[in-house]
Amino acid sequence: MSVKPIQRINSLKFSRILKRNKTISQINVTPMVDVMLVLLVIFMITAPLLTVGVPINLPKTKAKALPEDQTPLSITINKEEKIFVQDTEISLDKLIPKLVSISKNRNDRKIFIRADEVLSYGRVVEVMAVITSAGFNKIALVTDFETKKK
């Protein structure tokens, strides 16, 4: 039994129609990878800017930065002697309850003090004394790395 030419032409047309209407079952990931790469670059650029909240001039030192294993809890004292916990302004008498609530009663958490270089030594020591009286023993002072001038 032989195939008639008309039937053969019809079957070819039908197969083309099926191929044309076939949906793609794969996802093209190239545009998604491009978008993710752009987002990664944006986050890498903006992440260092997020750690500095209150603008102050830190004193210079020759010591290198210490490695940190957890998110720092920073207390900032600006040149107007205003105290900030992270980016929130707070009075000295409300400092201890705020630190206790943030650290969840863990007194072993390290606290970083960022004080403007024009502040008196007494004000920084006063804030440190309030922190240690609440049982926080790990206090570190933040400074800028001194660059050599030629």
N, C-alpha and C. Protein backbone atom coordinates (compact mmCIF):
# COMPACT_ATOMS: atom_id res chain seq x y z
N MET A 1 0.83 -1.17 0.00
CA MET A 1 0.00 0.00 0.00
C MET A 1 0.88 1.24 0.00
N SER A 2 0.68 2.11 -0.88
CA SER A 2 1.53 3.29 -1.01
C SER A 2 0.81 4.53 -0.49
N VAL A 3 1.60 5.49 -0.06
CA VAL A 3 1.06 6.74 0.48
C VAL A 3 0.77 7.67 -0.68
N LYS A 4 -0.37 8.22 -0.65
CA LYS A 4 -0.75 9.14 -1.73
C LYS A 4 -0.06 10.48 -1.49
N PRO A 5 0.30 11.18 -2.55
CA PRO A 5 1.00 12.46 -2.40
C PRO A 5 0.20 13.51 -1.62
N ILE A 6 -1.09 13.54 -1.74
CA ILE A 6 -1.90 14.53 -1.05
C ILE A 6 -1.88 14.27 0.46
N GLN A 7 -1.95 13.03 0.83
CA GLN A 7 -1.90 12.70 2.25
C GLN A 7 -0.55 13.08 2.86
N ARG A 8 0.50 12.89 2.08
CA ARG A 8 1.84 13.20 2.57
C ARG A 8 1.99 14.70 2.80
N ILE A 9 1.49 15.51 1.91
CA ILE A 9 1.56 16.97 2.06
C ILE A 9 0.78 17.42 3.29
N ASN A 10 -0.39 16.86 3.49
CA ASN A 10 -1.21 17.22 4.65
C ASN A 10 -0.52 16.83 5.95
N SER A 11 0.11 15.69 5.97
CA SER A 11 0.79 15.26 7.19
C SER A 11 2.00 16.16 7.50
N LEU A 12 2.71 16.65 6.50
CA LEU A 12 3.82 17.57 6.71
C LEU A 12 3.33 18.91 7.27
N LYS A 13 2.21 19.41 6.73
CA LYS A 13 1.64 20.66 7.25
C LYS A 13 1.23 20.51 8.71
N PHE A 14 0.63 19.39 9.03
CA PHE A 14 0.18 19.15 10.39
C PHE A 14 1.36 19.08 11.37
N SER A 15 2.45 18.44 10.95
CA SER A 15 3.63 18.35 11.83
C SER A 15 4.27 19.72 12.05
N ARG A 16 4.26 20.59 11.01
CA ARG A 16 4.79 21.95 11.16
C ARG A 16 3.94 22.76 12.14
N ILE A 17 2.64 22.60 12.05
CA ILE A 17 1.75 23.32 12.96
C ILE A 17 2.00 22.89 14.40
N LEU A 18 2.21 21.60 14.62
CA LEU A 18 2.48 21.11 15.97
C LEU A 18 3.79 21.67 16.51
N LYS A 19 4.81 21.72 15.64
CA LYS A 19 6.11 22.24 16.08
C LYS A 19 6.02 23.73 16.40
N ARG A 20 5.23 24.48 15.63
CA ARG A 20 5.11 25.91 15.82
C ARG A 20 4.39 26.25 17.13
N ASN A 21 3.42 25.46 17.52
CA ASN A 21 2.63 25.73 18.72
C ASN A 21 3.22 25.09 19.98
N LYS A 22 4.30 24.41 19.85
CA LYS A 22 4.91 23.74 21.00
C LYS A 22 5.49 24.80 21.95
N THR A 23 5.16 24.71 23.23
CA THR A 23 5.67 25.67 24.20
C THR A 23 7.07 25.27 24.66
N ILE A 24 7.83 26.27 25.07
CA ILE A 24 9.19 26.01 25.55
C ILE A 24 9.08 25.58 27.01
N SER A 25 9.66 24.47 27.34
CA SER A 25 9.56 23.96 28.70
C SER A 25 10.77 24.31 29.56
N GLN A 26 11.69 25.11 29.05
CA GLN A 26 12.87 25.48 29.81
C GLN A 26 12.84 26.98 30.11
N ILE A 27 13.42 27.36 31.24
CA ILE A 27 13.49 28.77 31.62
C ILE A 27 14.85 29.31 31.18
N ASN A 28 14.81 30.47 30.56
CA ASN A 28 16.05 31.12 30.16
C ASN A 28 16.62 31.85 31.38
N VAL A 29 17.73 31.37 31.92
CA VAL A 29 18.29 31.92 33.16
C VAL A 29 19.30 33.04 32.91
N THR A 30 19.67 33.29 31.68
CA THR A 30 20.67 34.32 31.40
C THR A 30 20.23 35.71 31.88
N PRO A 31 19.00 36.16 31.60
CA PRO A 31 18.61 37.48 32.13
C PRO A 31 18.56 37.52 33.66
N MET A 32 18.17 36.41 34.27
CA MET A 32 18.12 36.37 35.73
C MET A 32 19.54 36.47 36.32
N VAL A 33 20.49 35.82 35.71
CA VAL A 33 21.88 35.88 36.18
C VAL A 33 22.41 37.31 36.02
N ASP A 34 22.05 37.97 34.92
CA ASP A 34 22.48 39.36 34.72
C ASP A 34 21.93 40.27 35.82
N VAL A 35 20.67 40.12 36.14
CA VAL A 35 20.05 40.95 37.18
C VAL A 35 20.69 40.66 38.53
N MET A 36 20.93 39.40 38.85
CA MET A 36 21.55 39.04 40.13
C MET A 36 22.96 39.60 40.24
N LEU A 37 23.69 39.60 39.14
CA LEU A 37 25.05 40.15 39.16
C LEU A 37 25.02 41.65 39.43
N VAL A 38 24.09 42.35 38.81
CA VAL A 38 23.96 43.79 39.05
C VAL A 38 23.58 44.05 40.51
N LEU A 39 22.65 43.27 41.06
CA LEU A 39 22.27 43.43 42.46
C LEU A 39 23.45 43.15 43.39
N LEU A 40 24.24 42.14 43.07
CA LEU A 40 25.41 41.82 43.88
C LEU A 40 26.39 42.99 43.91
N VAL A 41 26.64 43.59 42.76
CA VAL A 41 27.55 44.73 42.69
C VAL A 41 27.00 45.90 43.50
N ILE A 42 25.70 46.15 43.40
CA ILE A 42 25.09 47.25 44.15
C ILE A 42 25.23 47.01 45.65
N PHE A 43 24.95 45.79 46.12
CA PHE A 43 25.08 45.50 47.55
C PHE A 43 26.53 45.58 48.02
N MET A 44 27.48 45.16 47.18
CA MET A 44 28.89 45.24 47.57
C MET A 44 29.34 46.69 47.72
N ILE A 45 28.79 47.57 46.90
CA ILE A 45 29.17 48.98 46.98
C ILE A 45 28.51 49.66 48.17
N THR A 46 27.24 49.35 48.43
CA THR A 46 26.52 50.05 49.49
C THR A 46 26.72 49.47 50.88
N ALA A 47 27.16 48.23 51.01
CA ALA A 47 27.30 47.60 52.33
C ALA A 47 28.28 48.35 53.25
N PRO A 48 29.45 48.77 52.79
CA PRO A 48 30.35 49.50 53.70
C PRO A 48 29.78 50.84 54.16
N LEU A 49 28.90 51.42 53.39
CA LEU A 49 28.33 52.71 53.77
C LEU A 49 27.30 52.59 54.87
N LEU A 50 26.76 51.39 55.09
CA LEU A 50 25.71 51.21 56.08
C LEU A 50 26.23 51.18 57.51
N THR A 51 27.50 50.91 57.72
CA THR A 51 28.02 50.79 59.08
C THR A 51 28.25 52.14 59.74
N VAL A 52 28.43 53.18 58.96
CA VAL A 52 28.67 54.51 59.52
C VAL A 52 27.34 55.25 59.58
N GLY A 53 26.91 55.59 60.78
CA GLY A 53 25.62 56.23 60.93
C GLY A 53 25.74 57.71 61.25
N VAL A 54 26.46 58.05 62.29
CA VAL A 54 26.59 59.43 62.74
C VAL A 54 27.96 59.92 62.31
N PRO A 55 28.03 61.04 61.59
CA PRO A 55 29.34 61.52 61.12
C PRO A 55 30.16 62.12 62.26
N ILE A 56 31.33 61.53 62.50
CA ILE A 56 32.26 62.03 63.51
C ILE A 56 33.68 61.89 62.96
N ASN A 57 34.62 62.59 63.56
CA ASN A 57 36.03 62.46 63.22
C ASN A 57 36.69 61.59 64.27
N LEU A 58 37.09 60.38 63.86
CA LEU A 58 37.73 59.46 64.80
C LEU A 58 39.21 59.81 64.95
N PRO A 59 39.79 59.58 66.13
CA PRO A 59 41.22 59.81 66.29
C PRO A 59 42.03 58.80 65.49
N LYS A 60 43.24 59.18 65.13
CA LYS A 60 44.11 58.32 64.32
C LYS A 60 44.96 57.43 65.22
N THR A 61 45.28 56.23 64.72
CA THR A 61 46.14 55.31 65.45
C THR A 61 46.90 54.45 64.45
N LYS A 62 47.96 53.79 64.93
CA LYS A 62 48.74 52.91 64.06
C LYS A 62 48.31 51.46 64.19
N ALA A 63 47.41 51.16 65.10
CA ALA A 63 46.95 49.78 65.31
C ALA A 63 46.03 49.35 64.18
N LYS A 64 46.10 48.08 63.84
CA LYS A 64 45.25 47.52 62.80
C LYS A 64 43.91 47.09 63.40
N ALA A 65 42.92 46.93 62.53
CA ALA A 65 41.58 46.53 62.98
C ALA A 65 41.60 45.08 63.45
N LEU A 66 40.79 44.79 64.46
CA LEU A 66 40.68 43.43 64.98
C LEU A 66 39.58 42.69 64.23
N PRO A 67 39.74 41.36 64.03
CA PRO A 67 38.67 40.61 63.36
C PRO A 67 37.44 40.53 64.26
N GLU A 68 36.27 40.56 63.65
CA GLU A 68 35.02 40.55 64.41
C GLU A 68 34.18 39.35 63.99
N ASP A 69 33.64 38.62 64.97
CA ASP A 69 32.88 37.41 64.68
C ASP A 69 31.38 37.60 64.78
N GLN A 70 30.90 38.74 65.25
CA GLN A 70 29.46 38.99 65.29
C GLN A 70 29.19 40.46 65.00
N THR A 71 27.94 40.78 64.79
CA THR A 71 27.55 42.14 64.47
C THR A 71 27.93 43.07 65.61
N PRO A 72 28.65 44.14 65.32
CA PRO A 72 29.10 45.02 66.40
C PRO A 72 27.95 45.83 66.98
N LEU A 73 28.03 46.06 68.26
CA LEU A 73 27.10 46.94 68.96
C LEU A 73 27.88 48.22 69.22
N SER A 74 27.54 49.28 68.50
CA SER A 74 28.36 50.49 68.60
C SER A 74 27.61 51.61 69.30
N ILE A 75 28.38 52.32 70.12
CA ILE A 75 27.89 53.53 70.79
C ILE A 75 28.73 54.68 70.25
N THR A 76 28.06 55.68 69.73
CA THR A 76 28.74 56.82 69.12
C THR A 76 28.49 58.06 69.97
N ILE A 77 29.58 58.82 70.18
CA ILE A 77 29.47 60.11 70.88
C ILE A 77 30.00 61.17 69.91
N ASN A 78 29.11 62.07 69.46
CA ASN A 78 29.56 63.07 68.50
C ASN A 78 30.16 64.28 69.21
N LYS A 79 30.59 65.27 68.45
CA LYS A 79 31.29 66.41 69.06
C LYS A 79 30.38 67.29 69.91
N GLU A 80 29.05 67.17 69.75
CA GLU A 80 28.12 67.88 70.63
C GLU A 80 27.82 67.07 71.89
N GLU A 81 28.54 65.97 72.10
CA GLU A 81 28.41 65.06 73.25
C GLU A 81 27.07 64.35 73.30
N LYS A 82 26.43 64.19 72.14
CA LYS A 82 25.19 63.41 72.06
C LYS A 82 25.57 61.94 71.91
N ILE A 83 24.82 61.07 72.57
CA ILE A 83 25.12 59.63 72.57
C ILE A 83 24.13 58.93 71.64
N PHE A 84 24.67 58.02 70.81
CA PHE A 84 23.85 57.24 69.89
C PHE A 84 24.15 55.77 70.10
N VAL A 85 23.11 54.95 70.13
CA VAL A 85 23.27 53.49 70.10
C VAL A 85 22.89 53.09 68.69
N GLN A 86 23.88 52.54 67.95
CA GLN A 86 23.76 52.32 66.51
C GLN A 86 23.46 53.70 65.90
N ASP A 87 22.25 53.96 65.37
CA ASP A 87 21.93 55.26 64.78
C ASP A 87 20.89 56.03 65.59
N THR A 88 20.48 55.52 66.74
CA THR A 88 19.41 56.12 67.53
C THR A 88 20.00 56.96 68.66
N GLU A 89 19.59 58.23 68.73
CA GLU A 89 20.06 59.09 69.81
C GLU A 89 19.39 58.68 71.12
N ILE A 90 20.17 58.71 72.19
CA ILE A 90 19.67 58.26 73.49
C ILE A 90 20.38 59.06 74.58
N SER A 91 19.70 59.25 75.72
CA SER A 91 20.34 59.94 76.84
C SER A 91 21.18 58.95 77.65
N LEU A 92 22.08 59.47 78.47
CA LEU A 92 23.00 58.62 79.23
C LEU A 92 22.25 57.75 80.24
N ASP A 93 21.17 58.29 80.84
CA ASP A 93 20.44 57.49 81.83
C ASP A 93 19.61 56.37 81.20
N LYS A 94 19.31 56.47 79.90
CA LYS A 94 18.55 55.41 79.22
C LYS A 94 19.47 54.45 78.45
N LEU A 95 20.77 54.66 78.56
CA LEU A 95 21.72 53.85 77.81
C LEU A 95 21.73 52.40 78.27
N ILE A 96 21.78 52.16 79.57
CA ILE A 96 21.87 50.79 80.09
C ILE A 96 20.64 49.96 79.75
N PRO A 97 19.41 50.45 79.98
CA PRO A 97 18.26 49.62 79.58
C PRO A 97 18.25 49.30 78.08
N LYS A 98 18.69 50.25 77.27
CA LYS A 98 18.75 50.01 75.82
C LYS A 98 19.78 48.93 75.49
N LEU A 99 20.96 49.00 76.10
CA LEU A 99 21.99 47.99 75.85
C LEU A 99 21.55 46.61 76.32
N VAL A 100 20.90 46.55 77.47
CA VAL A 100 20.43 45.26 78.00
C VAL A 100 19.38 44.66 77.08
N SER A 101 18.47 45.50 76.57
CA SER A 101 17.44 44.97 75.67
C SER A 101 18.02 44.53 74.34
N ILE A 102 19.01 45.24 73.83
CA ILE A 102 19.63 44.85 72.56
C ILE A 102 20.44 43.57 72.72
N SER A 103 21.23 43.48 73.78
CA SER A 103 22.12 42.32 73.95
C SER A 103 21.41 41.13 74.56
N LYS A 104 20.14 41.28 74.94
CA LYS A 104 19.34 40.17 75.49
C LYS A 104 20.01 39.56 76.71
N ASN A 105 20.43 40.42 77.64
CA ASN A 105 21.06 40.02 78.91
C ASN A 105 22.35 39.23 78.73
N ARG A 106 22.99 39.35 77.58
CA ARG A 106 24.30 38.71 77.37
C ARG A 106 25.37 39.77 77.61
N ASN A 107 25.97 39.75 78.77
CA ASN A 107 26.98 40.75 79.12
C ASN A 107 28.33 40.48 78.48
N ASP A 108 28.49 39.35 77.78
CA ASP A 108 29.77 39.05 77.15
C ASP A 108 29.87 39.66 75.75
N ARG A 109 28.86 40.36 75.30
CA ARG A 109 28.89 40.96 73.97
C ARG A 109 29.82 42.17 73.96
N LYS A 110 30.60 42.28 72.89
CA LYS A 110 31.56 43.39 72.77
C LYS A 110 30.83 44.66 72.34
N ILE A 111 31.17 45.76 72.99
CA ILE A 111 30.58 47.06 72.69
C ILE A 111 31.68 47.97 72.17
N PHE A 112 31.44 48.58 71.01
CA PHE A 112 32.40 49.48 70.40
C PHE A 112 31.98 50.92 70.67
N ILE A 113 32.92 51.72 71.15
CA ILE A 113 32.65 53.14 71.40
C ILE A 113 33.37 53.94 70.33
N ARG A 114 32.58 54.72 69.59
CA ARG A 114 33.10 55.62 68.56
C ARG A 114 32.92 57.04 69.09
N ALA A 115 34.01 57.68 69.46
CA ALA A 115 33.94 59.03 70.02
C ALA A 115 34.69 60.00 69.12
N ASP A 116 34.13 61.17 68.93
CA ASP A 116 34.77 62.19 68.12
C ASP A 116 36.08 62.61 68.78
N GLU A 117 37.07 62.93 67.97
CA GLU A 117 38.40 63.23 68.50
C GLU A 117 38.46 64.53 69.29
N VAL A 118 37.49 65.42 69.13
CA VAL A 118 37.52 66.69 69.87
C VAL A 118 36.86 66.57 71.25
N LEU A 119 36.29 65.43 71.57
CA LEU A 119 35.66 65.23 72.88
C LEU A 119 36.69 65.18 73.99
N SER A 120 36.25 65.58 75.17
CA SER A 120 37.14 65.47 76.32
C SER A 120 37.23 64.00 76.75
N TYR A 121 38.36 63.66 77.28
CA TYR A 121 38.60 62.29 77.75
C TYR A 121 37.60 61.91 78.84
N GLY A 122 37.24 62.87 79.66
CA GLY A 122 36.32 62.62 80.77
C GLY A 122 34.95 62.16 80.31
N ARG A 123 34.45 62.72 79.22
CA ARG A 123 33.13 62.33 78.72
C ARG A 123 33.14 60.88 78.23
N VAL A 124 34.19 60.49 77.54
CA VAL A 124 34.30 59.11 77.05
C VAL A 124 34.40 58.15 78.23
N VAL A 125 35.20 58.49 79.23
CA VAL A 125 35.34 57.64 80.42
C VAL A 125 34.02 57.55 81.18
N GLU A 126 33.27 58.64 81.22
CA GLU A 126 31.97 58.63 81.89
C GLU A 126 31.01 57.63 81.22
N VAL A 127 30.98 57.62 79.91
CA VAL A 127 30.13 56.67 79.18
C VAL A 127 30.63 55.24 79.40
N MET A 128 31.95 55.06 79.39
CA MET A 128 32.51 53.72 79.63
C MET A 128 32.17 53.24 81.04
N ALA A 129 32.19 54.14 82.02
CA ALA A 129 31.87 53.76 83.40
C ALA A 129 30.42 53.31 83.53
N VAL A 130 29.52 54.00 82.85
CA VAL A 130 28.11 53.61 82.88
C VAL A 130 27.93 52.23 82.26
N ILE A 131 28.64 51.97 81.18
CA ILE A 131 28.53 50.66 80.50
C ILE A 131 29.08 49.55 81.38
N THR A 132 30.24 49.77 81.99
CA THR A 132 30.82 48.72 82.84
C THR A 132 30.02 48.51 84.12
N SER A 133 29.36 49.56 84.62
CA SER A 133 28.53 49.38 85.83
C SER A 133 27.33 48.49 85.56
N ALA A 134 26.94 48.36 84.31
CA ALA A 134 25.82 47.47 83.96
C ALA A 134 26.29 46.04 83.73
N GLY A 135 27.60 45.79 83.86
CA GLY A 135 28.11 44.43 83.73
C GLY A 135 28.73 44.11 82.38
N PHE A 136 28.79 45.06 81.48
CA PHE A 136 29.43 44.84 80.18
C PHE A 136 30.92 45.09 80.34
N ASN A 137 31.73 44.05 80.12
CA ASN A 137 33.17 44.15 80.35
C ASN A 137 33.99 44.29 79.07
N LYS A 138 33.43 43.90 77.95
CA LYS A 138 34.18 43.95 76.70
C LYS A 138 33.85 45.24 75.96
N ILE A 139 34.70 46.23 76.17
CA ILE A 139 34.51 47.54 75.55
C ILE A 139 35.74 47.83 74.69
N ALA A 140 35.50 48.28 73.47
CA ALA A 140 36.59 48.61 72.56
C ALA A 140 36.38 50.02 72.02
N LEU A 141 37.48 50.75 71.86
CA LEU A 141 37.44 52.08 71.28
C LEU A 141 37.77 51.99 69.80
N VAL A 142 36.97 52.66 68.97
CA VAL A 142 37.16 52.63 67.52
C VAL A 142 37.98 53.84 67.12
N THR A 143 39.00 53.61 66.29
CA THR A 143 39.83 54.70 65.77
C THR A 143 40.01 54.51 64.27
N ASP A 144 40.48 55.55 63.60
CA ASP A 144 40.85 55.45 62.19
C ASP A 144 42.31 55.06 62.10
N PHE A 145 42.66 54.34 61.04
CA PHE A 145 44.05 53.95 60.81
C PHE A 145 44.81 55.17 60.30
N GLU A 146 45.93 55.47 60.93
CA GLU A 146 46.72 56.64 60.57
C GLU A 146 47.50 56.37 59.30
N THR A 147 47.36 57.24 58.31
CA THR A 147 48.11 57.09 57.07
C THR A 147 49.38 57.93 57.17
N LYS A 148 50.46 57.41 56.59
CA LYS A 148 51.75 58.12 56.64
C LYS A 148 51.72 59.28 55.65
N LYS A 149 52.12 60.44 56.11
CA LYS A 149 52.19 61.63 55.25
C LYS A 149 53.61 61.79 54.77
N LYS A 150 53.74 62.04 53.47
CA LYS A 150 55.08 62.22 52.89
C LYS A 150 55.30 63.64 52.49
